[in-house]
Amino acid sequence: MAELGPLRSLTTLHLCSVRITRDEVGCFLSNSPALEQLKLHDCKEMTFLKIPCMLQRLSCLSVCSCWMLQLIECKAPNLSSIYASGENIKLSLSEALRMKDLCMCFPNVIGYALAELPSIMPNLETLEIGSEDEVVNTPMLPAKFIHLKHLNIQITESDDYFHLASFLDASPSLETLFLDVSKDKEYVDHESIFGGSSLHLRQLPEDRHVCLKLKRVEIIGFKSAKSLIELTRCIVNKAVSLELLVLDTLDGSDRCCGEYKCRPTSKTVLEENKCRPISETVFKEASRAIVAIRRFIEDQVPPTAKLSVLEPCARCHSSHKLAVGDMVMEGG
């Protein structure tokens, strides 16, 4: 690493599956003042990433599958976009006033985001988070995402969706919400709204006069879980500007051309004009979700908003039809 002169004009650095230590990365960065984009992928020996303030032009940082990485310390003043995924990465940002876009994927990231991000990223506009093993008991926090407009959340293995209401309370400017819980079905046995627990449905505390600016909400993998019903009712009751609510009872994958005027992108689905196959268990839960929507959500949606319920395709999933009758009986 003695000859690093050419690095002074380097604008993009992408290290993939490189055995490199924190000190070696630090040497690269300290000799790359023109760097604008930094990407690290599968650098297994990285435990700590320190980005100096001299990187005045650095705007985009991407860190993926660096499983030993525990801390990212960044002093680059003009950083505006971060993507970070791993086991349990913490961010230490001295100046994040320009931060507009952030994507983070690691266990319990929702609790971390609510507790830490509003104070260090006050101007954040787009937030994407993917969480596993989420165990959150988040009170309503005084700190707010004042400028957050777009929120994308994917959850795997969460036992309670209603805690996401804390995000709504903390995001007064939020316009679009995309929530994907489709990967959660096979891992967690949620309390069903049909299990005798529908008499008491949680709401935001009465002293929280929340008025949401949400215009578009899409939930992928919608199910009959009580906590998801509670969250959805909270959204439609508080979102005074809601224009569209999309509830997809499957996993959001391609459907045939005849379904909901959607054009499939998958080559197999496009050529065969047939939806992806689903199991009997998935179909039954989707049927249960449809009953839950009709009973607990449909009449809560304001007349100025459109409710779009994406059901299993009757043509492609006709072999499961008997399960619908069973579901209506079970749903009451």
Protein backbone atom coordinates (compact mmCIF):
# COMPACT_ATOMS: atom_id res chain seq x y z
CA MET A 1 0.00 0.00 0.00
CA ALA A 2 2.99 2.30 -0.38
CA GLU A 3 1.94 3.70 -3.76
CA LEU A 4 -1.51 5.21 -3.26
CA GLY A 5 -1.13 8.36 -5.35
CA PRO A 6 -3.65 7.35 -8.08
CA LEU A 7 -6.33 6.95 -5.42
CA ARG A 8 -6.57 10.71 -5.01
CA SER A 9 -8.82 10.93 -8.07
CA LEU A 10 -10.87 7.82 -7.23
CA THR A 11 -14.62 8.53 -7.08
CA THR A 12 -16.04 5.02 -6.55
CA LEU A 13 -14.64 2.21 -4.42
CA HIS A 14 -16.30 -1.23 -4.36
CA LEU A 15 -14.70 -3.95 -2.25
CA CYS A 16 -16.32 -7.38 -2.67
CA SER A 17 -15.22 -10.49 -0.72
CA VAL A 18 -11.93 -8.82 0.15
CA ARG A 19 -9.93 -9.83 3.22
CA ILE A 20 -9.23 -6.36 4.52
CA THR A 21 -8.89 -4.94 8.02
CA ARG A 22 -10.19 -1.70 9.48
CA ASP A 23 -6.71 -0.16 9.31
CA GLU A 24 -6.27 -1.06 5.64
CA VAL A 25 -9.67 0.40 4.75
CA GLY A 26 -8.75 3.50 6.74
CA CYS A 27 -5.57 3.85 4.68
CA PHE A 28 -7.56 3.62 1.45
CA LEU A 29 -10.07 6.22 2.57
CA SER A 30 -7.54 8.70 3.90
CA ASN A 31 -5.88 8.71 0.47
CA SER A 32 -9.12 9.05 -1.53
CA PRO A 33 -10.36 12.63 -0.98
CA ALA A 34 -12.46 12.60 -4.19
CA LEU A 35 -14.45 9.52 -3.19
CA GLU A 36 -18.20 9.85 -3.84
CA GLN A 37 -19.43 6.27 -3.44
CA LEU A 38 -18.19 3.53 -1.12
CA LYS A 39 -19.47 -0.05 -1.28
CA LEU A 40 -18.36 -2.94 0.92
CA HIS A 41 -19.74 -6.44 0.34
CA ASP A 42 -18.84 -9.65 2.15
CA CYS A 43 -15.69 -8.27 3.77
CA LYS A 44 -15.62 -10.81 6.57
CA GLU A 45 -12.76 -9.37 8.63
CA MET A 46 -14.22 -5.89 8.97
CA THR A 47 -15.32 -5.12 12.54
CA PHE A 48 -15.22 -1.32 12.52
CA LEU A 49 -15.57 1.16 9.66
CA LYS A 50 -14.35 4.70 10.25
CA ILE A 51 -14.97 7.31 7.56
CA PRO A 52 -13.00 10.55 8.06
CA CYS A 53 -14.37 14.08 7.67
CA MET A 54 -11.91 14.74 4.83
CA LEU A 55 -14.22 12.82 2.47
CA GLN A 56 -16.18 15.95 1.61
CA ARG A 57 -17.67 14.48 -1.59
CA LEU A 58 -18.84 11.14 -0.20
CA SER A 59 -22.60 10.94 -0.68
CA CYS A 60 -23.42 7.21 -0.87
CA LEU A 61 -22.37 4.40 1.46
CA SER A 62 -23.36 0.75 1.02
CA VAL A 63 -22.35 -2.03 3.43
CA CYS A 64 -23.74 -5.51 2.84
CA SER A 65 -23.03 -8.95 4.35
CA CYS A 66 -20.04 -7.81 6.39
CA TRP A 67 -21.16 -10.05 9.23
CA MET A 68 -18.44 -9.11 11.72
CA LEU A 69 -19.01 -5.37 11.34
CA GLN A 70 -20.40 -3.82 14.52
CA LEU A 71 -19.95 -0.07 14.14
CA ILE A 72 -19.92 2.45 11.31
CA GLU A 73 -18.48 5.79 12.38
CA CYS A 74 -18.88 8.44 9.72
CA LYS A 75 -17.80 12.07 9.81
CA ALA A 76 -18.27 12.75 6.09
CA PRO A 77 -20.40 15.92 6.12
CA ASN A 78 -22.26 15.42 2.82
CA LEU A 79 -23.35 11.80 3.15
CA SER A 80 -26.96 11.60 1.97
CA SER A 81 -27.62 7.87 1.43
CA ILE A 82 -26.74 4.78 3.47
CA TYR A 83 -27.51 1.11 2.88
CA ALA A 84 -26.42 -1.17 5.72
CA SER A 85 -27.25 -4.83 6.27
CA GLY A 86 -25.66 -7.32 8.63
CA GLU A 87 -26.06 -8.85 12.05
CA ASN A 88 -26.21 -5.87 14.37
CA ILE A 89 -24.66 -2.71 12.99
CA LYS A 90 -24.67 0.55 14.92
CA LEU A 91 -24.31 3.94 13.27
CA SER A 92 -22.32 6.82 14.72
CA LEU A 93 -22.78 9.93 12.61
CA SER A 94 -21.39 13.26 13.75
CA GLU A 95 -23.15 15.23 11.00
CA ALA A 96 -26.15 13.73 9.25
CA LEU A 97 -28.12 16.85 8.40
CA ARG A 98 -27.94 16.01 4.68
CA MET A 99 -29.07 12.42 5.16
CA LYS A 100 -32.15 11.86 2.97
CA ASP A 101 -32.23 8.12 2.25
CA LEU A 102 -31.45 5.27 4.61
CA CYS A 103 -31.83 1.50 4.23
CA MET A 104 -30.96 -0.83 7.12
CA CYS A 105 -31.47 -4.59 7.47
CA PHE A 106 -30.58 -6.40 10.68
CA PRO A 107 -32.30 -7.91 13.75
CA ASN A 108 -34.33 -5.55 15.96
CA VAL A 109 -33.68 -2.61 13.64
CA ILE A 110 -37.15 -1.13 14.23
CA GLY A 111 -36.50 -0.46 17.91
CA TYR A 112 -33.07 0.94 17.06
CA ALA A 113 -34.48 3.20 14.34
CA LEU A 114 -37.17 4.64 16.59
CA ALA A 115 -34.80 5.26 19.48
CA GLU A 116 -31.77 6.62 17.63
CA LEU A 117 -32.51 7.97 14.17
CA PRO A 118 -34.80 10.99 14.74
CA SER A 119 -32.12 12.83 16.70
CA ILE A 120 -29.15 12.04 14.41
CA MET A 121 -30.97 12.21 11.05
CA PRO A 122 -33.55 14.99 11.44
CA ASN A 123 -33.94 15.54 7.67
CA LEU A 124 -34.47 11.92 6.66
CA GLU A 125 -37.07 11.61 3.87
CA THR A 126 -36.97 7.93 2.84
CA LEU A 127 -36.43 5.02 5.24
CA GLU A 128 -36.29 1.33 4.32
CA ILE A 129 -35.81 -1.23 7.07
CA GLY A 130 -35.77 -5.01 7.13
CA SER A 131 -36.01 -6.68 10.52
CA GLU A 132 -35.72 -10.21 11.89
CA ASP A 133 -36.46 -11.43 15.42
CA GLU A 134 -38.05 -8.09 16.24
CA VAL A 135 -38.83 -7.78 19.95
CA VAL A 136 -40.07 -4.25 20.46
CA ASN A 137 -41.88 -2.54 23.28
CA THR A 138 -41.66 1.02 22.05
CA PRO A 139 -43.47 3.79 23.90
CA MET A 140 -44.56 6.86 21.99
CA LEU A 141 -41.36 8.88 21.71
CA PRO A 142 -40.98 12.67 21.86
CA ALA A 143 -38.45 12.68 18.98
CA LYS A 144 -40.01 12.85 15.53
CA PHE A 145 -39.10 12.05 11.93
CA ILE A 146 -40.29 15.52 10.93
CA HIS A 147 -39.46 15.21 7.22
CA LEU A 148 -39.95 11.46 6.65
CA LYS A 149 -42.25 10.95 3.65
CA HIS A 150 -41.67 7.36 2.53
CA LEU A 151 -41.41 4.33 4.83
CA ASN A 152 -40.75 0.76 3.66
CA ILE A 153 -40.71 -2.01 6.28
CA GLN A 154 -40.17 -5.75 5.87
CA ILE A 155 -40.60 -7.89 8.97
CA THR A 156 -39.71 -11.51 9.62
CA GLU A 157 -40.49 -13.19 12.93
CA SER A 158 -42.34 -10.44 14.80
CA ASP A 159 -44.92 -11.32 17.42
CA ASP A 160 -46.77 -7.98 17.37
CA TYR A 161 -47.38 -5.61 14.47
CA PHE A 162 -49.22 -2.97 16.46
CA HIS A 163 -45.96 -1.57 17.82
CA LEU A 164 -45.43 -0.09 14.34
CA ALA A 165 -48.02 2.49 15.33
CA SER A 166 -45.12 4.19 17.13
CA PHE A 167 -43.59 4.87 13.70
CA LEU A 168 -46.81 6.49 12.54
CA ASP A 169 -46.96 8.67 15.62
CA ALA A 170 -43.34 9.70 15.09
CA SER A 171 -43.78 10.52 11.37
CA PRO A 172 -46.23 13.43 10.97
CA SER A 173 -45.23 14.05 7.31
CA LEU A 174 -45.40 10.43 6.15
CA GLU A 175 -47.13 10.04 2.76
CA THR A 176 -46.48 6.44 1.70
CA LEU A 177 -46.18 3.28 3.77
CA PHE A 178 -45.16 -0.10 2.34
CA LEU A 179 -45.30 -2.97 4.83
CA ASP A 180 -44.26 -6.51 3.83
CA VAL A 181 -45.12 -9.22 6.37
CA SER A 182 -45.40 -12.05 3.83
CA LYS A 183 -42.20 -13.75 5.01
CA ASP A 184 -43.59 -13.90 8.54
CA LYS A 185 -46.28 -16.50 7.84
CA GLU A 186 -44.17 -19.62 8.09
CA TYR A 187 -42.29 -18.59 11.23
CA VAL A 188 -44.75 -17.12 13.74
CA ASP A 189 -48.13 -18.34 14.95
CA HIS A 190 -49.96 -15.04 15.49
CA GLU A 191 -53.05 -14.59 17.61
CA SER A 192 -55.95 -14.61 15.16
CA ILE A 193 -58.70 -12.02 15.21
CA PHE A 194 -61.10 -14.98 15.12
CA GLY A 195 -59.76 -16.52 18.30
CA GLY A 196 -62.28 -14.79 20.56
CA SER A 197 -60.06 -11.72 21.02
CA SER A 198 -61.93 -9.28 18.77
CA LEU A 199 -63.94 -7.74 21.63
CA HIS A 200 -61.02 -5.50 22.61
CA LEU A 201 -58.94 -3.97 19.83
CA ARG A 202 -56.02 -1.73 20.75
CA GLN A 203 -55.85 1.87 19.60
CA LEU A 204 -53.42 4.73 19.97
CA PRO A 205 -53.81 6.42 23.37
CA GLU A 206 -56.61 8.98 23.39
CA ASP A 207 -54.24 11.74 24.48
CA ARG A 208 -52.21 11.25 21.28
CA HIS A 209 -54.02 13.48 18.80
CA VAL A 210 -52.39 11.88 15.77
CA CYS A 211 -53.37 13.21 12.35
CA LEU A 212 -51.57 11.29 9.61
CA LYS A 213 -50.84 12.67 6.14
CA LEU A 214 -50.62 9.18 4.67
CA LYS A 215 -51.91 9.01 1.11
CA ARG A 216 -50.96 5.50 0.04
CA VAL A 217 -50.60 2.36 2.18
CA GLU A 218 -49.74 -1.10 0.87
CA ILE A 219 -49.51 -4.21 3.06
CA ILE A 220 -48.10 -7.38 1.50
CA GLY A 221 -48.93 -10.74 3.07
CA PHE A 222 -51.99 -9.41 4.88
CA LYS A 223 -53.37 -11.95 7.34
CA SER A 224 -55.93 -12.35 10.09
CA ALA A 225 -53.44 -11.63 12.89
CA LYS A 226 -55.16 -9.49 15.52
CA SER A 227 -52.22 -7.08 15.85
CA LEU A 228 -52.17 -6.46 12.08
CA ILE A 229 -55.91 -5.76 12.07
CA GLU A 230 -55.36 -3.30 14.94
CA LEU A 231 -52.56 -1.54 13.08
CA THR A 232 -54.59 -1.27 9.87
CA ARG A 233 -57.62 0.13 11.69
CA CYS A 234 -55.34 2.67 13.38
CA ILE A 235 -54.06 3.76 9.97
CA VAL A 236 -57.46 4.20 8.32
CA ASN A 237 -58.85 6.02 11.37
CA LYS A 238 -55.96 8.48 11.65
CA ALA A 239 -54.98 9.02 8.00
CA VAL A 240 -57.25 11.91 7.04
CA SER A 241 -55.68 12.22 3.56
CA LEU A 242 -55.72 8.53 2.67
CA GLU A 243 -56.30 7.91 -1.04
CA LEU A 244 -55.44 4.22 -1.49
CA LEU A 245 -55.19 1.21 0.80
CA VAL A 246 -53.88 -1.98 -0.85
CA LEU A 247 -54.12 -5.24 1.10
CA ASP A 248 -52.43 -8.15 -0.68
CA THR A 249 -53.37 -11.45 0.97
CA LEU A 250 -50.48 -13.28 -0.71
CA ASP A 251 -46.78 -12.46 -0.95
CA GLY A 252 -46.84 -9.80 -3.65
CA SER A 253 -45.43 -12.11 -6.32
CA ASP A 254 -46.49 -12.03 -9.95
CA ARG A 255 -50.08 -12.80 -10.89
CA CYS A 256 -51.46 -13.77 -14.27
CA CYS A 257 -52.50 -11.09 -16.78
CA GLY A 258 -56.14 -11.43 -15.83
CA GLU A 259 -55.58 -10.50 -12.20
CA TYR A 260 -56.04 -6.87 -11.13
CA LYS A 261 -54.77 -5.57 -14.48
CA CYS A 262 -51.21 -6.36 -13.35
CA ARG A 263 -48.63 -7.24 -15.98
CA PRO A 264 -46.34 -10.01 -14.68
CA THR A 265 -42.60 -9.55 -14.95
CA SER A 266 -41.59 -13.16 -14.27
CA LYS A 267 -40.81 -15.00 -17.52
CA THR A 268 -42.56 -18.17 -16.35
CA VAL A 269 -45.70 -16.35 -15.23
CA LEU A 270 -45.71 -14.26 -18.41
CA GLU A 271 -45.36 -17.24 -20.78
CA GLU A 272 -47.81 -19.53 -18.98
CA ASN A 273 -50.23 -16.74 -17.98
CA LYS A 274 -50.66 -18.43 -14.64
CA CYS A 275 -50.12 -17.25 -11.07
CA ARG A 276 -47.44 -18.83 -8.96
CA PRO A 277 -48.71 -21.91 -7.09
CA ILE A 278 -49.48 -21.62 -3.37
CA SER A 279 -49.98 -24.20 -0.64
CA GLU A 280 -53.28 -25.12 0.97
CA THR A 281 -52.11 -23.48 4.21
CA VAL A 282 -51.32 -20.18 2.49
CA PHE A 283 -54.64 -20.20 0.63
CA LYS A 284 -56.60 -20.88 3.80
CA GLU A 285 -54.91 -18.00 5.63
CA ALA A 286 -55.54 -15.70 2.67
CA SER A 287 -59.22 -16.68 2.81
CA ARG A 288 -59.26 -15.98 6.52
CA ALA A 289 -57.66 -12.58 5.88
CA ILE A 290 -60.40 -11.68 3.38
CA VAL A 291 -63.09 -12.41 5.96
CA ALA A 292 -61.19 -10.28 8.51
CA ILE A 293 -60.96 -7.37 6.07
CA ARG A 294 -64.68 -7.45 5.37
CA ARG A 295 -65.60 -7.68 9.03
CA PHE A 296 -63.11 -5.38 10.76
CA ILE A 297 -61.60 -2.99 8.19
CA GLU A 298 -63.87 -2.39 5.22
CA ASP A 299 -66.37 -0.18 7.04
CA GLN A 300 -63.55 1.80 8.68
CA VAL A 301 -62.10 3.02 5.37
CA PRO A 302 -63.20 6.62 4.67
CA PRO A 303 -65.38 7.16 1.58
CA THR A 304 -62.70 9.34 -0.01
CA ALA A 305 -60.21 6.44 -0.04
CA LYS A 306 -60.08 3.39 -2.29
CA LEU A 307 -59.69 -0.07 -0.71
CA SER A 308 -58.03 -2.62 -3.01
CA VAL A 309 -58.02 -6.21 -1.70
CA LEU A 310 -55.83 -8.58 -3.71
CA GLU A 311 -57.26 -12.07 -3.26
CA PRO A 312 -55.97 -15.42 -4.55
CA CYS A 313 -56.78 -15.80 -8.24
CA ALA A 314 -60.00 -17.80 -8.67
CA ARG A 315 -58.82 -19.26 -11.99
CA CYS A 316 -55.29 -20.28 -11.06
CA HIS A 317 -56.08 -21.47 -7.53
CA SER A 318 -59.40 -23.19 -8.25
CA SER A 319 -58.16 -26.43 -6.67
CA HIS A 320 -58.32 -24.71 -3.28
CA LYS A 321 -61.95 -23.62 -3.58
CA LEU A 322 -63.25 -25.97 -0.90
CA ALA A 323 -61.08 -24.20 1.65
CA VAL A 324 -63.07 -20.99 1.13
CA GLY A 325 -66.25 -22.62 2.32
CA ASP A 326 -64.43 -24.02 5.32
CA MET A 327 -63.06 -20.55 6.04
CA VAL A 328 -66.45 -18.86 6.01
CA MET A 329 -67.67 -21.44 8.48
CA GLU A 330 -64.65 -20.90 10.70
CA GLY A 331 -64.85 -17.12 10.47
CA GLY A 332 -68.45 -17.20 11.52
